């Protein structure tokens, strides 16, 4: 667990407000005090408070109502980082899908990682490619990239350390996202995903033991700590793979 002294003040503030919501200090349906008043009550700066409140909105705990202000949602979800789950857990029916490492290396940024990880030219990014098997069949092909080490050391040193340890072990039984989630106790993660219909293509078809023209779903995912992206991924799921549940909150 990352000590509070090494975590960003915004993350600590995020947790304080989450704890207050779940403790009933700000019950569901209630309106939070104005920013100046809330900043004074918590003894924090308004910029840090504003950033924490934005994260809480993204994670579904707060809503903004015009003319009213920020209100606590009627059914606030649990902490945001608990909603970021490894793909192998989502695909597994009762037991996690099996992860087989295809490639564990370091590479320079591609167009995808330059866009989603904001990686500079010639940066070194850890790249993992894995095959996930569930219910006796190849269920997904995952490609995952971590932000440069210097970025991770600044915003999430526990993830940086866990990645180094996983690399030394050279084991293939876990995904990069699982490493991130395991290293993020007490660290609020935010994530965004996009879903696109596509075809496998020759190379991915060979990896998943399917014809190249097999329809598939491509899920792209970016995970952030605050406003900083720390992981970007592409997950290819062919037709016939186990269903991927979509978790929603309102």
Protein backbone atom coordinates (compact mmCIF):
# COMPACT_ATOMS: atom_id res chain seq x y z
CA UNK A 1 0.00 0.00 0.00
CA UNK A 2 1.25 3.44 -0.88
CA UNK A 3 1.75 5.55 2.26
CA UNK A 4 -0.30 8.72 2.55
CA UNK A 5 2.89 10.78 2.55
CA UNK A 6 3.71 9.52 -0.96
CA UNK A 7 0.24 9.90 -2.44
CA UNK A 8 -0.95 12.98 -4.24
CA UNK A 9 -2.89 15.38 -1.99
CA UNK A 10 -5.85 15.21 -4.39
CA UNK A 11 -6.05 11.41 -3.92
CA UNK A 12 -6.04 11.78 -0.14
CA UNK A 13 -8.73 14.45 -0.39
CA UNK A 14 -10.78 12.22 -2.72
CA UNK A 15 -10.71 9.47 -0.09
CA UNK A 16 -11.71 11.84 2.71
CA UNK A 17 -14.81 12.91 0.81
CA UNK A 18 -15.66 9.32 -0.13
CA UNK A 19 -15.36 8.28 3.51
CA UNK A 20 -17.62 11.18 4.52
CA UNK A 21 -20.23 10.15 1.95
CA UNK A 22 -20.28 6.52 3.07
CA UNK A 23 -20.27 7.57 6.73
CA UNK A 24 -23.40 9.66 6.16
CA UNK A 25 -21.86 13.10 6.60
CA UNK A 26 -23.07 13.84 3.08
CA UNK A 27 -26.03 11.45 2.65
CA UNK A 28 -27.42 10.41 -0.75
CA UNK A 29 -29.45 13.17 -2.34
CA UNK A 30 -27.85 15.90 -0.25
CA UNK A 31 -26.16 18.96 -1.70
CA UNK A 32 -22.53 19.59 -0.86
CA UNK A 33 -21.54 22.95 0.62
CA UNK A 34 -20.23 25.56 -1.80
CA UNK A 35 -16.59 25.19 -2.86
CA UNK A 36 -15.31 27.99 -0.60
CA UNK A 37 -17.18 26.62 2.40
CA UNK A 38 -16.21 23.00 1.75
CA UNK A 39 -12.56 23.97 1.22
CA UNK A 40 -12.62 25.80 4.54
CA UNK A 41 -14.28 22.86 6.33
CA UNK A 42 -11.69 20.42 4.97
CA UNK A 43 -8.76 22.79 5.36
CA UNK A 44 -7.62 22.44 1.73
CA UNK A 45 -7.04 24.71 -1.24
CA UNK A 46 -9.84 25.30 -3.71
CA UNK A 47 -7.83 24.02 -6.75
CA UNK A 48 -7.14 20.70 -4.99
CA UNK A 49 -10.78 20.45 -3.91
CA UNK A 50 -12.02 21.19 -7.42
CA UNK A 51 -9.83 18.42 -8.89
CA UNK A 52 -11.04 15.91 -6.29
CA UNK A 53 -14.67 16.86 -6.95
CA UNK A 54 -14.19 16.32 -10.68
CA UNK A 55 -12.82 12.83 -9.99
CA UNK A 56 -15.82 12.10 -7.78
CA UNK A 57 -18.15 13.17 -10.60
CA UNK A 58 -16.29 10.91 -13.05
CA UNK A 59 -16.60 7.99 -10.64
CA UNK A 60 -20.35 8.47 -10.24
CA UNK A 61 -20.53 9.62 -6.64
CA UNK A 62 -21.55 13.21 -7.41
CA UNK A 63 -23.74 14.95 -9.96
CA UNK A 64 -23.92 18.62 -10.88
CA UNK A 65 -27.36 20.19 -11.07
CA UNK A 66 -27.74 23.63 -12.57
CA UNK A 67 -28.89 26.11 -9.98
CA UNK A 68 -28.41 23.59 -7.18
CA UNK A 69 -24.75 22.60 -7.11
CA UNK A 70 -23.04 19.28 -6.52
CA UNK A 71 -25.28 16.58 -5.05
CA UNK A 72 -24.51 13.12 -3.78
CA UNK A 73 -26.02 10.45 -6.01
CA UNK A 74 -28.92 8.47 -4.55
CA UNK A 75 -27.02 5.20 -4.92
CA UNK A 76 -23.35 6.14 -4.85
CA UNK A 77 -21.05 3.35 -6.06
CA UNK A 78 -18.14 2.08 -4.05
CA UNK A 79 -14.75 3.72 -4.44
CA UNK A 80 -13.85 4.41 -8.03
CA UNK A 81 -10.76 2.20 -8.14
CA UNK A 82 -12.90 -0.81 -7.18
CA UNK A 83 -14.70 -0.54 -10.55
CA UNK A 84 -11.46 -0.97 -12.54
CA UNK A 85 -11.21 -4.74 -12.87
CA UNK A 86 -8.82 -6.93 -14.88
CA UNK A 87 -10.25 -8.44 -18.03
CA UNK A 88 -9.45 -11.95 -16.84
CA UNK A 89 -11.80 -11.47 -13.87
CA UNK A 90 -14.62 -10.15 -16.04
CA UNK A 91 -14.36 -12.97 -18.59
CA UNK A 92 -14.08 -15.79 -16.08
CA UNK A 93 -17.26 -17.64 -15.12
CA UNK A 94 -16.64 -18.37 -11.46
CA UNK A 95 -12.86 -18.44 -11.93
CA UNK A 96 -10.59 -15.90 -13.65
CA UNK A 97 -9.62 -16.53 -17.25
CA UNK A 98 -6.13 -17.93 -17.72
CA UNK A 99 -3.52 -15.43 -18.91
CA UNK A 100 -0.70 -16.66 -21.16
CA UNK A 101 2.13 -14.26 -21.92
CA UNK A 102 2.91 -13.88 -25.61
CA UNK A 103 5.31 -10.97 -25.31
CA UNK A 104 6.84 -8.91 -22.50
CA UNK A 105 9.11 -6.16 -23.82
CA UNK A 106 9.91 -2.45 -23.97
CA UNK A 107 9.14 -0.42 -27.07
CA UNK A 108 9.00 3.14 -28.36
CA UNK A 109 5.63 4.90 -28.63
CA UNK A 110 3.21 4.08 -31.43
CA UNK A 111 0.49 6.43 -32.67
CA UNK A 112 -1.87 4.75 -30.19
CA UNK A 113 0.36 5.15 -27.14
CA UNK A 114 1.51 8.63 -28.09
CA UNK A 115 -2.14 9.68 -28.18
CA UNK A 116 -3.42 7.85 -25.10
CA UNK A 117 -0.36 7.88 -22.83
CA UNK A 118 0.93 11.26 -24.04
CA UNK A 119 4.29 9.54 -24.44
CA UNK A 120 7.09 11.61 -26.01
CA UNK A 121 9.08 10.38 -29.00
CA UNK A 122 11.75 7.82 -28.05
CA UNK A 123 10.19 7.18 -24.65
CA UNK A 124 10.48 3.59 -23.39
CA UNK A 125 7.15 1.94 -22.66
CA UNK A 126 6.60 -1.48 -21.13
CA UNK A 127 4.48 -3.56 -23.52
CA UNK A 128 2.67 -6.78 -22.65
CA UNK A 129 0.76 -8.95 -25.11
CA UNK A 130 -1.32 -11.74 -23.58
CA UNK A 131 -3.76 -14.42 -24.66
CA UNK A 132 -6.73 -14.97 -22.32
CA UNK A 133 -8.45 -18.35 -22.27
CA UNK A 134 -11.84 -18.95 -20.64
CA UNK A 135 -14.29 -21.84 -20.73
CA UNK A 136 -11.77 -23.90 -22.68
CA UNK A 137 -11.31 -21.48 -25.57
CA UNK A 138 -9.22 -18.48 -26.55
CA UNK A 139 -11.36 -15.59 -25.34
CA UNK A 140 -9.34 -12.43 -25.90
CA UNK A 141 -6.06 -10.98 -27.06
CA UNK A 142 -4.79 -8.12 -24.87
CA UNK A 143 -2.12 -5.57 -25.66
CA UNK A 144 -1.18 -3.31 -22.73
CA UNK A 145 1.25 -0.42 -22.41
CA UNK A 146 2.40 1.36 -19.25
CA UNK A 147 3.36 5.02 -19.11
CA UNK A 148 7.11 5.78 -18.99
CA UNK A 149 8.80 4.81 -15.73
CA UNK A 150 9.55 8.42 -14.80
CA UNK A 151 5.82 9.23 -15.04
CA UNK A 152 4.85 6.21 -12.93
CA UNK A 153 7.45 7.03 -10.29
CA UNK A 154 5.89 10.48 -9.96
CA UNK A 155 2.18 9.63 -9.91
CA UNK A 156 2.02 5.95 -8.86
CA UNK A 157 5.32 4.58 -7.51
CA UNK A 158 3.67 1.40 -6.19
CA UNK A 159 2.59 0.47 -9.74
CA UNK A 160 6.09 1.17 -11.04
CA UNK A 161 7.58 -1.13 -8.40
CA UNK A 162 4.99 -3.86 -9.03
CA UNK A 163 5.70 -3.78 -12.77
CA UNK A 164 9.43 -4.17 -12.17
CA UNK A 165 8.78 -7.12 -9.88
CA UNK A 166 6.44 -8.75 -12.40
CA UNK A 167 9.06 -8.27 -15.11
CA UNK A 168 11.73 -9.99 -13.00
CA UNK A 169 9.45 -12.93 -12.37
CA UNK A 170 8.81 -13.27 -16.12
CA UNK A 171 5.59 -15.05 -15.22
CA UNK A 172 2.72 -15.00 -17.65
CA UNK A 173 -0.18 -15.58 -15.31
CA UNK A 174 -1.36 -12.01 -14.93
CA UNK A 175 -2.24 -8.96 -16.99
CA UNK A 176 -0.72 -5.50 -16.63
CA UNK A 177 -4.12 -4.20 -15.51
CA UNK A 178 -4.21 -6.83 -12.75
CA UNK A 179 -0.78 -5.62 -11.59
CA UNK A 180 -2.08 -2.04 -11.56
CA UNK A 181 -5.22 -2.90 -9.60
CA UNK A 182 -3.24 -4.94 -7.11
CA UNK A 183 -0.87 -2.02 -6.52
CA UNK A 184 -3.64 0.57 -6.16
CA UNK A 185 -5.04 -0.01 -2.70
CA UNK A 186 -5.82 3.51 -1.54
CA UNK A 187 -5.16 5.06 -4.96
CA UNK A 188 -8.20 6.29 -6.90
CA UNK A 189 -8.13 5.15 -10.52
CA UNK A 190 -10.28 6.54 -13.29
CA UNK A 191 -10.79 4.73 -16.58
CA UNK A 192 -12.36 5.27 -19.97
CA UNK A 193 -13.15 2.61 -22.57
CA UNK A 194 -14.37 2.66 -26.17
CA UNK A 195 -15.91 -0.25 -28.10
CA UNK A 196 -15.57 -0.79 -31.85
CA UNK A 197 -16.80 -3.57 -34.15
CA UNK A 198 -14.06 -4.96 -36.40
CA UNK A 199 -12.56 -8.11 -37.95
CA UNK A 200 -9.69 -10.07 -36.44
CA UNK A 201 -7.30 -9.89 -39.36
CA UNK A 202 -4.64 -12.44 -40.21
CA UNK A 203 -2.18 -12.03 -37.31
CA UNK A 204 -4.77 -11.77 -34.56
CA UNK A 205 -6.76 -14.59 -36.16
CA UNK A 206 -3.72 -16.86 -35.94
CA UNK A 207 -3.16 -15.92 -32.30
CA UNK A 208 -6.80 -16.58 -31.40
CA UNK A 209 -7.11 -19.66 -33.65
CA UNK A 210 -9.89 -18.06 -35.70
CA UNK A 211 -10.27 -17.17 -39.39
CA UNK A 212 -9.01 -13.71 -40.34
CA UNK A 213 -12.53 -12.56 -41.28
CA UNK A 214 -14.01 -13.44 -37.85
CA UNK A 215 -16.08 -10.54 -36.47
CA UNK A 216 -14.72 -9.17 -33.22
CA UNK A 217 -15.11 -6.40 -30.67
CA UNK A 218 -12.14 -4.13 -30.02
CA UNK A 219 -12.14 -2.50 -26.59
CA UNK A 220 -9.64 0.30 -26.04
CA UNK A 221 -9.01 1.31 -22.46
CA UNK A 222 -7.09 4.11 -20.73
CA UNK A 223 -6.58 4.13 -16.94
CA UNK A 224 -5.57 7.33 -15.15
CA UNK A 225 -4.40 8.52 -11.77
CA UNK A 226 -5.95 11.96 -11.54
CA UNK A 227 -5.45 13.47 -14.98
CA UNK A 228 -2.34 11.39 -15.78
CA UNK A 229 -2.72 8.26 -17.95
CA UNK A 230 -0.76 5.33 -16.54
CA UNK A 231 -1.97 2.41 -18.70
CA UNK A 232 -3.44 2.04 -22.17
CA UNK A 233 -4.75 -1.19 -23.65
CA UNK A 234 -6.40 -2.84 -26.62
CA UNK A 235 -8.51 -5.94 -26.00
CA UNK A 236 -9.69 -7.97 -29.00
CA UNK A 237 -12.65 -10.29 -28.29
CA UNK A 238 -13.81 -12.54 -31.16
CA UNK A 239 -17.32 -13.86 -31.64
CA UNK A 240 -17.86 -17.00 -29.60
CA UNK A 241 -15.88 -15.67 -26.65
CA UNK A 242 -17.55 -15.60 -23.21
CA UNK A 243 -19.76 -12.57 -22.61
CA UNK A 244 -18.06 -9.47 -21.24
CA UNK A 245 -20.26 -7.87 -18.56
CA UNK A 246 -20.70 -4.10 -18.63
CA UNK A 247 -21.01 -2.53 -15.18
CA UNK A 248 -23.13 0.61 -14.96
CA UNK A 249 -24.19 2.95 -12.18
CA UNK A 250 -26.81 5.67 -12.18
